[in-house]
PDB file of N, CA and C in Angstrom:
ATOM      1  N   MET A   1      78.858  34.763 -70.012  1.00  0.00           N
ATOM      2  CA  MET A   1      77.410  35.656 -71.245  1.00  0.00           C
ATOM      3  C   MET A   1      78.740  36.453 -71.354  1.00  0.00           C
ATOM      4  N   GLY A   2      79.517  37.542 -70.716  1.00  0.00           N
ATOM      5  CA  GLY A   2      80.008  38.780 -71.570  1.00  0.00           C
ATOM      6  C   GLY A   2      80.656  37.886 -73.144  1.00  0.00           C
ATOM      7  N   LEU A   3      81.488  36.547 -72.517  1.00  0.00           N
ATOM      8  CA  LEU A   3      82.545  36.175 -73.478  1.00  0.00           C
ATOM      9  C   LEU A   3      81.442  36.198 -74.843  1.00  0.00           C
ATOM     10  N   PHE A   4      80.790  35.131 -74.533  1.00  0.00           N
ATOM     11  CA  PHE A   4      79.253  35.076 -76.131  1.00  0.00           C
ATOM     12  C   PHE A   4      78.490  36.747 -77.037  1.00  0.00           C
ATOM     13  N   ASN A   5      78.404  37.622 -75.634  1.00  0.00           N
ATOM     14  CA  ASN A   5      78.010  38.978 -76.200  1.00  0.00           C
ATOM     15  C   ASN A   5      79.212  40.042 -77.199  1.00  0.00           C
ATOM     16  N   ASN A   6      80.517  39.445 -76.715  1.00  0.00           N
ATOM     17  CA  ASN A   6      82.143  40.075 -77.240  1.00  0.00           C
ATOM     18  C   ASN A   6      81.796  40.224 -78.465  1.00  0.00           C
ATOM     19  N   LEU A   7      82.350  38.687 -78.134  1.00  0.00           N
ATOM     20  CA  LEU A   7      82.238  37.228 -79.526  1.00  0.00           C
ATOM     21  C   LEU A   7      81.441  37.097 -80.974  1.00  0.00           C
ATOM     22  N   ARG A   8      79.882  38.018 -80.253  1.00  0.00           N
ATOM     23  CA  ARG A   8      78.462  37.541 -81.010  1.00  0.00           C
ATOM     24  C   ARG A   8      79.049  38.977 -81.805  1.00  0.00           C
ATOM     25  N   THR A   9      79.511  40.698 -80.391  1.00  0.00           N
ATOM     26  CA  THR A   9      79.560  41.279 -81.205  1.00  0.00           C
ATOM     27  C   THR A   9      80.920  41.163 -82.364  1.00  0.00           C
ATOM     28  N   PHE A  10      82.085  41.178 -81.910  1.00  0.00           N
ATOM     29  CA  PHE A  10      83.142  41.016 -82.756  1.00  0.00           C
ATOM     30  C   PHE A  10      82.459  40.367 -84.820  1.00  0.00           C
ATOM     31  N   LEU A  11      82.134  39.678 -84.417  1.00  0.00           N
ATOM     32  CA  LEU A  11      81.836  38.191 -85.529  1.00  0.00           C
ATOM     33  C   LEU A  11      81.177  39.726 -86.366  1.00  0.00           C
ATOM     34  N   TRP A  12      79.239  39.958 -85.638  1.00  0.00           N
ATOM     35  CA  TRP A  12      78.158  41.056 -86.664  1.00  0.00           C
ATOM     36  C   TRP A  12      79.688  42.646 -86.573  1.00  0.00           C
ATOM     37  N   ILE A  13      80.127  42.668 -86.798  1.00  0.00           N
ATOM     38  CA  ILE A  13      80.621  44.352 -87.203  1.00  0.00           C
ATOM     39  C   ILE A  13      81.648  43.600 -88.248  1.00  0.00           C
ATOM     40  N   ARG A  14      81.627  42.996 -89.367  1.00  0.00           N
ATOM     41  CA  ARG A  14      81.731  42.625 -90.830  1.00  0.00           C
ATOM     42  C   ARG A  14      80.418  43.377 -91.354  1.00  0.00           C
ATOM     43  N   VAL A  15      79.209  42.398 -90.245  1.00  0.00           N
ATOM     44  CA  VAL A  15      78.227  42.415 -91.537  1.00  0.00           C
ATOM     45  C   VAL A  15      77.342  43.762 -91.851  1.00  0.00           C
ATOM     46  N   GLN A  16      77.131  44.818 -89.911  1.00  0.00           N
ATOM     47  CA  GLN A  16      77.019  45.886 -89.686  1.00  0.00           C
ATOM     48  C   GLN A  16      77.856  46.393 -91.071  1.00  0.00           C
ATOM     49  N   GLN A  17      78.965  46.664 -91.001  1.00  0.00           N
ATOM     50  CA  GLN A  17      80.185  47.187 -91.934  1.00  0.00           C
ATOM     51  C   GLN A  17      79.617  47.283 -93.643  1.00  0.00           C
ATOM     52  N   TYR A  18      79.221  45.791 -93.979  1.00  0.00           N
ATOM     53  CA  TYR A  18      79.127  46.274 -94.897  1.00  0.00           C
ATOM     54  C   TYR A  18      77.617  46.641 -95.121  1.00  0.00           C
ATOM     55  N   THR A  19      76.923  46.784 -94.473  1.00  0.00           N
ATOM     56  CA  THR A  19      75.702  46.888 -95.131  1.00  0.00           C
ATOM     57  C   THR A  19      75.732  48.199 -94.867  1.00  0.00           C
ATOM     58  N   THR A  20      76.392  48.835 -93.835  1.00  0.00           N
ATOM     59  CA  THR A  20      76.493  50.512 -93.733  1.00  0.00           C
ATOM     60  C   THR A  20      77.136  50.924 -95.318  1.00  0.00           C
ATOM     61  N   ARG A  21      78.156  50.160 -95.829  1.00  0.00           N
ATOM     62  CA  ARG A  21      79.424  50.929 -96.713  1.00  0.00           C
ATOM     63  C   ARG A  21      77.597  50.738 -97.970  1.00  0.00           C
ATOM     64  N   GLU A  22      77.266  48.949 -98.131  1.00  0.00           N
ATOM     65  CA  GLU A  22      76.639  49.177 -99.357  1.00  0.00           C
ATOM     66  C   GLU A  22      75.623  50.423 -99.257  1.00  0.00           C
ATOM     67  N   ILE A  23      74.995  50.434 -98.196  1.00  0.00           N
ATOM     68  CA  ILE A  23      73.998  51.669 -97.932  1.00  0.00           C
ATOM     69  C   ILE A  23      73.885  53.563 -98.823  1.00  0.00           C
ATOM     70  N   GLU A  24      75.508  53.409 -97.812  1.00  0.00           N
ATOM     71  CA  GLU A  24      75.755  54.718 -97.884  1.00  0.00           C
ATOM     72  C   GLU A  24      76.550  55.691 -99.296  1.00  0.00           C
ATOM     73  N   ILE A  25      76.978  54.285-100.210  1.00  0.00           N
ATOM     74  CA  ILE A  25      77.810  53.903-101.565  1.00  0.00           C
ATOM     75  C   ILE A  25      76.082  54.176-102.177  1.00  0.00           C
ATOM     76  N   ASP A  26      74.735  53.467-102.153  1.00  0.00           N
ATOM     77  CA  ASP A  26      73.164  53.882-102.977  1.00  0.00           C
ATOM     78  C   ASP A  26      73.332  55.097-102.874  1.00  0.00           C
ATOM     79  N   LEU A  27      72.955  55.428-101.205  1.00  0.00           N
ATOM     80  CA  LEU A  27      72.587  57.078-100.901  1.00  0.00           C
ATOM     81  C   LEU A  27      73.534  57.659-101.308  1.00  0.00           C
ATOM     82  N   PHE A  28      74.229  57.979-101.862  1.00  0.00           N
ATOM     83  CA  PHE A  28      75.816  58.374-102.237  1.00  0.00           C
ATOM     84  C   PHE A  28      75.686  59.134-103.684  1.00  0.00           C
ATOM     85  N   ARG A  29      75.468  57.930-105.147  1.00  0.00           N
ATOM     86  CA  ARG A  29      74.616  57.245-105.125  1.00  0.00           C
ATOM     87  C   ARG A  29      73.809  58.456-106.024  1.00  0.00           C
ATOM     88  N   HIS A  30      72.739  57.917-105.295  1.00  0.00           N
ATOM     89  CA  HIS A  30      71.448  58.954-105.471  1.00  0.00           C
ATOM     90  C   HIS A  30      71.455  60.720-105.302  1.00  0.00           C
ATOM     91  N   LEU A  31      72.064  60.547-104.357  1.00  0.00           N
ATOM     92  CA  LEU A  31      72.029  62.251-104.108  1.00  0.00           C
ATOM     93  C   LEU A  31      72.509  62.748-105.296  1.00  0.00           C
ATOM     94  N   HIS A  32      74.238  62.386-106.215  1.00  0.00           N
ATOM     95  CA  HIS A  32      74.423  62.484-107.056  1.00  0.00           C
ATOM     96  C   HIS A  32      73.978  62.965-108.900  1.00  0.00           C
ATOM     97  N   GLN A  33      72.596  62.259-108.353  1.00  0.00           N
ATOM     98  CA  GLN A  33      71.297  61.922-109.184  1.00  0.00           C
ATOM     99  C   GLN A  33      70.720  62.845-109.225  1.00  0.00           C
ATOM    100  N   LEU A  34      71.300  64.167-108.521  1.00  0.00           N
ATOM    101  CA  LEU A  34      69.342  64.435-107.865  1.00  0.00           C
ATOM    102  C   LEU A  34      69.845  65.816-108.267  1.00  0.00           C
ATOM    103  N   SER A  35      69.386  66.598-108.564  1.00  0.00           N
ATOM    104  CA  SER A  35      69.114  68.287-109.851  1.00  0.00           C
ATOM    105  C   SER A  35      70.227  68.766-108.931  1.00  0.00           C
ATOM    106  N   LEU A  36      71.015  70.391-109.372  1.00  0.00           N
ATOM    107  CA  LEU A  36      71.588  71.194-108.568  1.00  0.00           C
ATOM    108  C   LEU A  36      71.321  72.309-107.917  1.00  0.00           C
ATOM    109  N   ARG A  37      68.964  72.196-108.589  1.00  0.00           N
ATOM    110  CA  ARG A  37      68.278  73.038-107.569  1.00  0.00           C
ATOM    111  C   ARG A  37      67.994  72.657-106.907  1.00  0.00           C
ATOM    112  N   TRP A  38      67.635  70.874-106.065  1.00  0.00           N
ATOM    113  CA  TRP A  38      68.148  70.485-104.964  1.00  0.00           C
ATOM    114  C   TRP A  38      68.865  70.371-103.622  1.00  0.00           C
ATOM    115  N   HIS A  39      69.968  70.457-104.374  1.00  0.00           N
ATOM    116  CA  HIS A  39      71.439  70.618-103.728  1.00  0.00           C
ATOM    117  C   HIS A  39      70.527  72.101-103.083  1.00  0.00           C
ATOM    118  N   LEU A  40      70.714  72.781-104.206  1.00  0.00           N
ATOM    119  CA  LEU A  40      71.355  74.327-103.275  1.00  0.00           C
ATOM    120  C   LEU A  40      69.185  74.753-102.143  1.00  0.00           C
ATOM    121  N   GLN A  41      68.663  74.175-101.881  1.00  0.00           N
ATOM    122  CA  GLN A  41      67.829  73.696-101.342  1.00  0.00           C
ATOM    123  C   GLN A  41      67.670  72.973-100.269  1.00  0.00           C
ATOM    124  N   ARG A  42      68.740  72.338 -99.781  1.00  0.00           N
ATOM    125  CA  ARG A  42      69.014  71.515 -98.610  1.00  0.00           C
ATOM    126  C   ARG A  42      70.426  72.130 -98.514  1.00  0.00           C
ATOM    127  N   LYS A  43      70.522  71.877 -96.437  1.00  0.00           N
ATOM    128  CA  LYS A  43      71.639  71.893 -96.553  1.00  0.00           C
ATOM    129  C   LYS A  43      71.944  70.868 -95.768  1.00  0.00           C
ATOM    130  N   THR A  44      73.477  70.950 -96.403  1.00  0.00           N
ATOM    131  CA  THR A  44      74.192  69.598 -96.362  1.00  0.00           C
ATOM    132  C   THR A  44      74.288  68.255 -95.510  1.00  0.00           C
ATOM    133  N   GLY A  45      74.611  69.540 -94.123  1.00  0.00           N
ATOM    134  CA  GLY A  45      73.674  68.907 -92.826  1.00  0.00           C
ATOM    135  C   GLY A  45      73.229  68.201 -92.469  1.00  0.00           C
ATOM    136  N   GLU A  46      72.133  68.398 -93.133  1.00  0.00           N
ATOM    137  CA  GLU A  46      70.385  68.038 -92.507  1.00  0.00           C
ATOM    138  C   GLU A  46      70.630  67.167 -93.413  1.00  0.00           C
ATOM    139  N   VAL A  47      70.707  66.343 -94.560  1.00  0.00           N
ATOM    140  CA  VAL A  47      71.319  65.803 -95.735  1.00  0.00           C
ATOM    141  C   VAL A  47      72.244  64.529 -95.220  1.00  0.00           C
ATOM    142  N   LEU A  48      73.389  64.777 -94.451  1.00  0.00           N
ATOM    143  CA  LEU A  48      74.447  63.610 -93.582  1.00  0.00           C
ATOM    144  C   LEU A  48      73.950  62.812 -92.079  1.00  0.00           C
ATOM    145  N   ARG A  49      73.077  63.920 -91.778  1.00  0.00           N
ATOM    146  CA  ARG A  49      72.192  63.882 -90.622  1.00  0.00           C
ATOM    147  C   ARG A  49      70.920  62.479 -90.967  1.00  0.00           C
ATOM    148  N   VAL A  50      70.523  62.698 -91.998  1.00  0.00           N
ATOM    149  CA  VAL A  50      69.383  61.664 -92.624  1.00  0.00           C
ATOM    150  C   VAL A  50      69.370  60.411 -92.579  1.00  0.00           C
ATOM    151  N   MET A  51      70.863  60.867 -93.329  1.00  0.00           N
ATOM    152  CA  MET A  51      71.275  59.503 -93.774  1.00  0.00           C
ATOM    153  C   MET A  51      72.399  59.214 -93.009  1.00  0.00           C
ATOM    154  N   ASP A  52      72.701  59.391 -91.559  1.00  0.00           N
ATOM    155  CA  ASP A  52      73.378  58.581 -90.043  1.00  0.00           C
ATOM    156  C   ASP A  52      72.105  57.943 -90.162  1.00  0.00           C
ATOM    157  N   ARG A  53      71.004  58.615 -89.200  1.00  0.00           N
ATOM    158  CA  ARG A  53      70.236  57.726 -88.701  1.00  0.00           C
ATOM    159  C   ARG A  53      69.523  56.650 -89.912  1.00  0.00           C
ATOM    160  N   GLY A  54      69.611  57.238 -90.959  1.00  0.00           N
ATOM    161  CA  GLY A  54      68.998  56.077 -91.846  1.00  0.00           C
ATOM    162  C   GLY A  54      69.724  54.057 -91.795  1.00  0.00           C
ATOM    163  N   THR A  55      70.786  54.795 -92.433  1.00  0.00           N
ATOM    164  CA  THR A  55      72.226  54.054 -91.744  1.00  0.00           C
ATOM    165  C   THR A  55      72.111  52.750 -90.190  1.00  0.00           C
ATOM    166  N   ASP A  56      72.123  53.916 -89.031  1.00  0.00           N
ATOM    167  CA  ASP A  56      71.492  53.290 -88.149  1.00  0.00           C
ATOM    168  C   ASP A  56      70.415  52.759 -87.848  1.00  0.00           C
ATOM    169  N   SER A  57      69.367  53.005 -88.383  1.00  0.00           N
ATOM    170  CA  SER A  57      68.524  52.463 -88.438  1.00  0.00           C
ATOM    171  C   SER A  57      68.018  51.295 -89.196  1.00  0.00           C
ATOM    172  N   ILE A  58      68.685  50.762 -90.015  1.00  0.00           N
ATOM    173  CA  ILE A  58      69.153  49.493 -90.222  1.00  0.00           C
ATOM    174  C   ILE A  58      69.442  48.788 -89.722  1.00  0.00           C
ATOM    175  N   ASN A  59      70.329  49.079 -89.590  1.00  0.00           N
ATOM    176  CA  ASN A  59      71.563  48.037 -88.621  1.00  0.00           C
ATOM    177  C   ASN A  59      70.991  48.185 -87.262  1.00  0.00           C
ATOM    178  N   ASN A  60      70.329  48.746 -87.145  1.00  0.00           N
ATOM    179  CA  ASN A  60      69.693  48.163 -85.041  1.00  0.00           C
ATOM    180  C   ASN A  60      68.196  47.102 -85.809  1.00  0.00           C
ATOM    181  N   LEU A  61      68.029  47.519 -86.590  1.00  0.00           N
ATOM    182  CA  LEU A  61      66.551  46.603 -87.035  1.00  0.00           C
ATOM    183  C   LEU A  61      67.155  45.099 -87.407  1.00  0.00           C
ATOM    184  N   LEU A  62      68.116  44.924 -88.661  1.00  0.00           N
ATOM    185  CA  LEU A  62      68.747  43.708 -88.694  1.00  0.00           C
ATOM    186  C   LEU A  62      68.917  43.134 -87.513  1.00  0.00           C
ATOM    187  N   ASN A  63      69.796  43.242 -86.456  1.00  0.00           N
ATOM    188  CA  ASN A  63      70.690  42.977 -85.181  1.00  0.00           C
ATOM    189  C   ASN A  63      69.255  43.219 -84.521  1.00  0.00           C
ATOM    190  N   TYR A  64      68.166  43.294 -84.078  1.00  0.00           N
ATOM    191  CA  TYR A  64      67.177  43.338 -83.486  1.00  0.00           C
ATOM    192  C   TYR A  64      66.715  42.145 -83.764  1.00  0.00           C
ATOM    193  N   ILE A  65      66.424  41.244 -85.776  1.00  0.00           N
ATOM    194  CA  ILE A  65      66.020  40.266 -86.024  1.00  0.00           C
ATOM    195  C   ILE A  65      66.678  39.469 -85.876  1.00  0.00           C
ATOM    196  N   VAL A  66      68.416  39.468 -86.649  1.00  0.00           N
ATOM    197  CA  VAL A  66      68.529  38.382 -86.381  1.00  0.00           C
ATOM    198  C   VAL A  66      68.969  37.662 -84.738  1.00  0.00           C
ATOM    199  N   PHE A  67      69.181  38.587 -83.846  1.00  0.00           N
ATOM    200  CA  PHE A  67      69.190  38.330 -82.402  1.00  0.00           C
ATOM    201  C   PHE A  67      68.413  38.289 -81.207  1.00  0.00           C
ATOM    202  N   SER A  68      66.914  38.987 -81.647  1.00  0.00           N
ATOM    203  CA  SER A  68      66.143  38.857 -81.196  1.00  0.00           C
ATOM    204  C   SER A  68      64.721  37.427 -81.183  1.00  0.00           C
ATOM    205  N   ILE A  69      64.204  38.548 -82.282  1.00  0.00           N
ATOM    206  CA  ILE A  69      62.991  38.096 -83.057  1.00  0.00           C
ATOM    207  C   ILE A  69      63.469  37.162 -83.860  1.00  0.00           C
ATOM    208  N   THR A  70      64.262  36.392 -84.234  1.00  0.00           N
ATOM    209  CA  THR A  70      64.744  34.667 -84.684  1.00  0.00           C
ATOM    210  C   THR A  70      65.222  33.900 -83.587  1.00  0.00           C
ATOM    211  N   PRO A  71      66.016  33.891 -83.016  1.00  0.00           N
ATOM    212  CA  PRO A  71      65.327  33.679 -81.733  1.00  0.00           C
ATOM    213  C   PRO A  71      64.684  33.014 -80.378  1.00  0.00           C
ATOM    214  N   THR A  72      63.622  34.680 -80.715  1.00  0.00           N
ATOM    215  CA  THR A  72      62.534  33.830 -79.867  1.00  0.00           C
ATOM    216  C   THR A  72      61.350  32.810 -80.713  1.00  0.00           C
ATOM    217  N   ILE A  73      61.215  33.137 -82.079  1.00  0.00           N
ATOM    218  CA  ILE A  73      60.268  32.307 -82.874  1.00  0.00           C
ATOM    219  C   ILE A  73      60.714  30.781 -82.916  1.00  0.00           C
ATOM    220  N   LEU A  74      61.838  30.618 -82.686  1.00  0.00           N
ATOM    221  CA  LEU A  74      62.835  29.161 -83.596  1.00  0.00           C
ATOM    222  C   LEU A  74      62.541  28.554 -81.366  1.00  0.00           C
ATOM    223  N   ASP A  75      62.773  29.200 -80.294  1.00  0.00           N
ATOM    224  CA  ASP A  75      62.249  29.053 -79.384  1.00  0.00           C
ATOM    225  C   ASP A  75      61.036  28.813 -79.024  1.00  0.00           C
ATOM    226  N   LEU A  76      60.010  28.767 -79.906  1.00  0.00           N
ATOM    227  CA  LEU A  76      58.394  28.958 -79.645  1.00  0.00           C
ATOM    228  C   LEU A  76      58.586  27.544 -80.885  1.00  0.00           C
ATOM    229  N   LEU A  77      58.898  27.649 -81.577  1.00  0.00           N
ATOM    230  CA  LEU A  77      59.326  26.073 -81.860  1.00  0.00           C
ATOM    231  C   LEU A  77      59.779  25.370 -81.907  1.00  0.00           C
ATOM    232  N   VAL A  78      60.442  25.377 -80.884  1.00  0.00           N
ATOM    233  CA  VAL A  78      60.867  23.854 -80.674  1.00  0.00           C
ATOM    234  C   VAL A  78      60.436  23.662 -78.798  1.00  0.00           C
ATOM    235  N   ALA A  79      59.184  24.605 -78.809  1.00  0.00           N
ATOM    236  CA  ALA A  79      58.655  24.291 -77.619  1.00  0.00           C
ATOM    237  C   ALA A  79      57.265  23.386 -78.227  1.00  0.00           C
ATOM    238  N   VAL A  80      56.793  23.779 -78.740  1.00  0.00           N
ATOM    239  CA  VAL A  80      56.057  23.662 -79.621  1.00  0.00           C
ATOM    240  C   VAL A  80      55.328  21.672 -79.902  1.00  0.00           C
ATOM    241  N   ALA A  81      57.696  21.418 -80.445  1.00  0.00           N
ATOM    242  CA  ALA A  81      57.485  20.597 -81.092  1.00  0.00           C
ATOM    243  C   ALA A  81      57.572  19.242 -79.993  1.00  0.00           C
ATOM    244  N   PHE A  82      58.020  19.978 -78.871  1.00  0.00           N
ATOM    245  CA  PHE A  82      58.606  18.621 -77.366  1.00  0.00           C
ATOM    246  C   PHE A  82      57.011  19.048 -76.946  1.00  0.00           C
ATOM    247  N   PHE A  83      56.382  19.762 -76.684  1.00  0.00           N
ATOM    248  CA  PHE A  83      54.647  19.448 -76.180  1.00  0.00           C
ATOM    249  C   PHE A  83      54.564  18.252 -77.225  1.00  0.00           C
ATOM    250  N   ILE A  84      53.797  18.706 -78.617  1.00  0.00           N
ATOM    251  CA  ILE A  84      53.353  17.679 -79.576  1.00  0.00           C
ATOM    252  C   ILE A  84      54.606  15.870 -78.799  1.00  0.00           C
ATOM    253  N   TYR A  85      55.734  16.154 -79.184  1.00  0.00           N
ATOM    254  CA  TYR A  85      56.464  15.022 -78.848  1.00  0.00           C
ATOM    255  C   TYR A  85      56.469  14.458 -77.653  1.00  0.00           C
ATOM    256  N   ALA A  86      56.206  15.585 -76.736  1.00  0.00           N
ATOM    257  CA  ALA A  86      56.412  14.781 -74.797  1.00  0.00           C
ATOM    258  C   ALA A  86      54.451  13.728 -74.533  1.00  0.00           C
ATOM    259  N   PHE A  87      54.215  15.289 -75.605  1.00  0.00           N
ATOM    260  CA  PHE A  87      52.236  15.203 -74.783  1.00  0.00           C
ATOM    261  C   PHE A  87      52.194  14.275 -75.803  1.00  0.00           C
ATOM    262  N   ASN A  88      51.078  15.289 -77.523  1.00  0.00           N
ATOM    263  CA  ASN A  88      50.058  15.127 -78.434  1.00  0.00           C
ATOM    264  C   ASN A  88      49.725  16.821 -78.150  1.00  0.00           C
ATOM    265  N   TRP A  89      49.324  16.303 -80.275  1.00  0.00           N
ATOM    266  CA  TRP A  89      49.970  17.758 -80.550  1.00  0.00           C
ATOM    267  C   TRP A  89      48.023  18.778 -79.693  1.00  0.00           C
ATOM    268  N   TRP A  90      47.706  18.935 -78.648  1.00  0.00           N
ATOM    269  CA  TRP A  90      46.688  19.615 -78.451  1.00  0.00           C
ATOM    270  C   TRP A  90      47.374  20.326 -78.012  1.00  0.00           C
ATOM    271  N   PHE A  91      48.463  19.717 -76.837  1.00  0.00           N
ATOM    272  CA  PHE A  91      49.616  20.630 -75.523  1.00  0.00           C
ATOM    273  C   PHE A  91      50.077  21.473 -77.298  1.00  0.00           C
ATOM    274  N   GLY A  92      51.202  20.832 -77.672  1.00  0.00           N
ATOM    275  CA  GLY A  92      51.157  21.771 -78.950  1.00  0.00           C
ATOM    276  C   GLY A  92      50.160  22.995 -79.082  1.00  0.00           C
ATOM    277  N   LEU A  93      49.764  22.936 -79.543  1.00  0.00           N
ATOM    278  CA  LEU A  93      48.540  23.582 -80.225  1.00  0.00           C
ATOM    279  C   LEU A  93      48.134  24.905 -78.887  1.00  0.00           C
ATOM    280  N   ILE A  94      48.143  23.963 -78.015  1.00  0.00           N
ATOM    281  CA  ILE A  94      47.202  25.209 -76.690  1.00  0.00           C
ATOM    282  C   ILE A  94      49.000  26.356 -76.229  1.00  0.00           C
ATOM    283  N   VAL A  95      50.410  26.026 -77.000  1.00  0.00           N
ATOM    284  CA  VAL A  95      51.078  26.009 -76.460  1.00  0.00           C
ATOM    285  C   VAL A  95      51.177  28.036 -77.868  1.00  0.00           C
ATOM    286  N   PHE A  96      50.988  26.994 -78.199  1.00  0.00           N
ATOM    287  CA  PHE A  96      51.203  27.564 -79.772  1.00  0.00           C
ATOM    288  C   PHE A  96      50.448  28.926 -79.596  1.00  0.00           C
ATOM    289  N   LEU A  97      49.099  28.413 -79.660  1.00  0.00           N
ATOM    290  CA  LEU A  97      48.288  29.928 -79.687  1.00  0.00           C
ATOM    291  C   LEU A  97      48.114  30.822 -78.079  1.00  0.00           C
ATOM    292  N   THR A  98      48.426  30.106 -77.151  1.00  0.00           N
ATOM    293  CA  THR A  98      48.236  31.044 -76.068  1.00  0.00           C
ATOM    294  C   THR A  98      50.306  31.960 -76.613  1.00  0.00           C
ATOM    295  N   MET A  99      51.391  31.368 -76.826  1.00  0.00           N
ATOM    296  CA  MET A  99      52.214  32.730 -77.484  1.00  0.00           C
ATOM    297  C   MET A  99      51.563  33.599 -78.605  1.00  0.00           C
ATOM    298  N   PHE A 100      50.427  33.033 -79.731  1.00  0.00           N
ATOM    299  CA  PHE A 100      50.292  33.484 -80.377  1.00  0.00           C
ATOM    300  C   PHE A 100      49.901  34.672 -79.295  1.00  0.00           C
ATOM    301  N   LEU A 101      48.488  34.318 -78.986  1.00  0.00           N
ATOM    302  CA  LEU A 101      47.613  35.736 -78.717  1.00  0.00           C
ATOM    303  C   LEU A 101      48.628  36.309 -77.603  1.00  0.00           C
ATOM    304  N   TYR A 102      49.824  36.111 -77.198  1.00  0.00           N
ATOM    305  CA  TYR A 102      50.016  37.481 -75.694  1.00  0.00           C
ATOM    306  C   TYR A 102      50.993  37.574 -77.646  1.00  0.00           C
ATOM    307  N   ILE A 103      51.615  37.217 -78.288  1.00  0.00           N
ATOM    308  CA  ILE A 103      52.642  38.224 -79.345  1.00  0.00           C
ATOM    309  C   ILE A 103      51.015  39.394 -79.626  1.00  0.00           C
ATOM    310  N   ALA A 104      50.114  38.890 -80.203  1.00  0.00           N
ATOM    311  CA  ALA A 104      49.586  39.857 -80.175  1.00  0.00           C
ATOM    312  C   ALA A 104      48.554  40.119 -79.774  1.00  0.00           C
ATOM    313  N   SER A 105      48.492  40.052 -78.483  1.00  0.00           N
ATOM    314  CA  SER A 105      47.703  41.640 -77.836  1.00  0.00           C
ATOM    315  C   SER A 105      49.250  42.622 -77.263  1.00  0.00           C
ATOM    316  N   THR A 106      50.644  42.111 -77.099  1.00  0.00           N
ATOM    317  CA  THR A 106      51.121  42.751 -77.267  1.00  0.00           C
ATOM    318  C   THR A 106      51.487  43.956 -77.922  1.00  0.00           C
ATOM    319  N   ILE A 107      52.121  43.489 -79.403  1.00  0.00           N
ATOM    320  CA  ILE A 107      51.583  44.904 -80.074  1.00  0.00           C
ATOM    321  C   ILE A 107      51.025  45.343 -80.507  1.00  0.00           C
ATOM    322  N   ALA A 108      49.616  44.960 -80.045  1.00  0.00           N
ATOM    323  CA  ALA A 108      48.063  45.430 -80.110  1.00  0.00           C
ATOM    324  C   ALA A 108      48.702  46.327 -78.911  1.00  0.00           C
ATOM    325  N   ILE A 109      48.202  46.109 -77.417  1.00  0.00           N
ATOM    326  CA  ILE A 109      48.862  47.197 -76.319  1.00  0.00           C
ATOM    327  C   ILE A 109      49.814  48.403 -76.759  1.00  0.00           C
ATOM    328  N   THR A 110      50.923  47.586 -77.768  1.00  0.00           N
ATOM    329  CA  THR A 110      51.896  48.541 -77.684  1.00  0.00           C
ATOM    330  C   THR A 110      51.875  50.073 -78.981  1.00  0.00           C
ATOM    331  N   GLU A 111      50.818  49.905 -79.819  1.00  0.00           N
ATOM    332  CA  GLU A 111      50.207  50.100 -80.036  1.00  0.00           C
ATOM    333  C   GLU A 111      49.140  51.308 -80.153  1.00  0.00           C
ATOM    334  N   TRP A 112      48.365  51.069 -79.302  1.00  0.00           N
ATOM    335  CA  TRP A 112      47.877  51.427 -78.498  1.00  0.00           C
ATOM    336  C   TRP A 112      48.407  52.761 -77.758  1.00  0.00           C
ATOM    337  N   ARG A 113      49.694  51.998 -76.994  1.00  0.00           N
ATOM    338  CA  ARG A 113      50.174  52.956 -75.952  1.00  0.00           C
ATOM    339  C   ARG A 113      50.918  53.982 -76.614  1.00  0.00           C
ATOM    340  N   THR A 114      51.327  54.125 -77.934  1.00  0.00           N
ATOM    341  CA  THR A 114      52.454  54.929 -79.001  1.00  0.00           C
ATOM    342  C   THR A 114      51.275  55.928 -79.530  1.00  0.00           C
ATOM    343  N   LYS A 115      50.006  55.579 -79.561  1.00  0.00           N
ATOM    344  CA  LYS A 115      49.743  56.751 -79.786  1.00  0.00           C
ATOM    345  C   LYS A 115      48.652  57.806 -79.028  1.00  0.00           C
ATOM    346  N   LEU A 116      48.509  57.520 -77.817  1.00  0.00           N
ATOM    347  CA  LEU A 116      48.152  58.634 -76.226  1.00  0.00           C
ATOM    348  C   LEU A 116      49.710  59.492 -76.865  1.00  0.00           C
ATOM    349  N   PRO A 117      48.732  60.361 -76.112  1.00  0.00           N
ATOM    350  CA  PRO A 117      50.016  61.656 -76.005  1.00  0.00           C
ATOM    351  C   PRO A 117      50.416  61.697 -74.400  1.00  0.00           C
ATOM    352  N   LYS A 118      51.194  61.634 -75.243  1.00  0.00           N
ATOM    353  CA  LYS A 118      52.576  61.794 -73.706  1.00  0.00           C
ATOM    354  C   LYS A 118      52.591  63.226 -73.014  1.00  0.00           C
ATOM    355  N   LYS A 119      52.498  62.902 -71.403  1.00  0.00           N
ATOM    356  CA  LYS A 119      52.580  63.833 -70.879  1.00  0.00           C
ATOM    357  C   LYS A 119      54.063  64.207 -70.010  1.00  0.00           C
ATOM    358  N   ASN A 120      53.587  66.041 -70.060  1.00  0.00           N
ATOM    359  CA  ASN A 120      55.304  66.182 -69.221  1.00  0.00           C
ATOM    360  C   ASN A 120      55.541  65.993 -67.902  1.00  0.00           C
ATOM    361  N   GLU A 121      56.045  65.976 -67.023  1.00  0.00           N
ATOM    362  CA  GLU A 121      56.803  66.595 -65.824  1.00  0.00           C
ATOM    363  C   GLU A 121      55.558  66.207 -65.056  1.00  0.00           C
ATOM    364  N   TYR A 122      55.511  67.703 -65.422  1.00  0.00           N
ATOM    365  CA  TYR A 122      54.114  67.663 -64.251  1.00  0.00           C
ATOM    366  C   TYR A 122      52.810  67.144 -64.930  1.00  0.00           C
ATOM    367  N   GLY A 123      52.495  66.101 -65.000  1.00  0.00           N
ATOM    368  CA  GLY A 123      51.255  65.399 -65.410  1.00  0.00           C
ATOM    369  C   GLY A 123      50.470  66.541 -66.661  1.00  0.00           C
ATOM    370  N   ARG A 124      50.390  67.548 -67.271  1.00  0.00           N
ATOM    371  CA  ARG A 124      50.161  67.834 -69.023  1.00  0.00           C
ATOM    372  C   ARG A 124      50.475  67.447 -69.960  1.00  0.00           C
ATOM    373  N   GLN A 125      49.355  67.575 -71.246  1.00  0.00           N
ATOM    374  CA  GLN A 125      49.996  67.376 -72.614  1.00  0.00           C
ATOM    375  C   GLN A 125      50.835  67.940 -72.945  1.00  0.00           C
TER     376      GLN A 125
END
């Protein structure tokens, strides 16, 4: 398993570097088109930190979509196709609806939980 993870990481580096380079070039071009007044009102460190966070977020999102979400969807489709082929379309529909409801409820609960106030180590908000 470690070999495949290292191979995946090695192959993904080119994609990650390309997207980072393209995004940062576009951001740099945009920053140069802004007025002098805008630059005088901002701190350079703040702007650079926001740029780094943004490019890191885009890379993390791409990584998550390619290596987590897409394989999960493909697994679901293969499972549904297998149940339709091995049994009948009712079983495929049951598997599909079950997974759809599970994913929808997980997203809904996660959204609800993120809106709750966080408590500190002493149980206070």
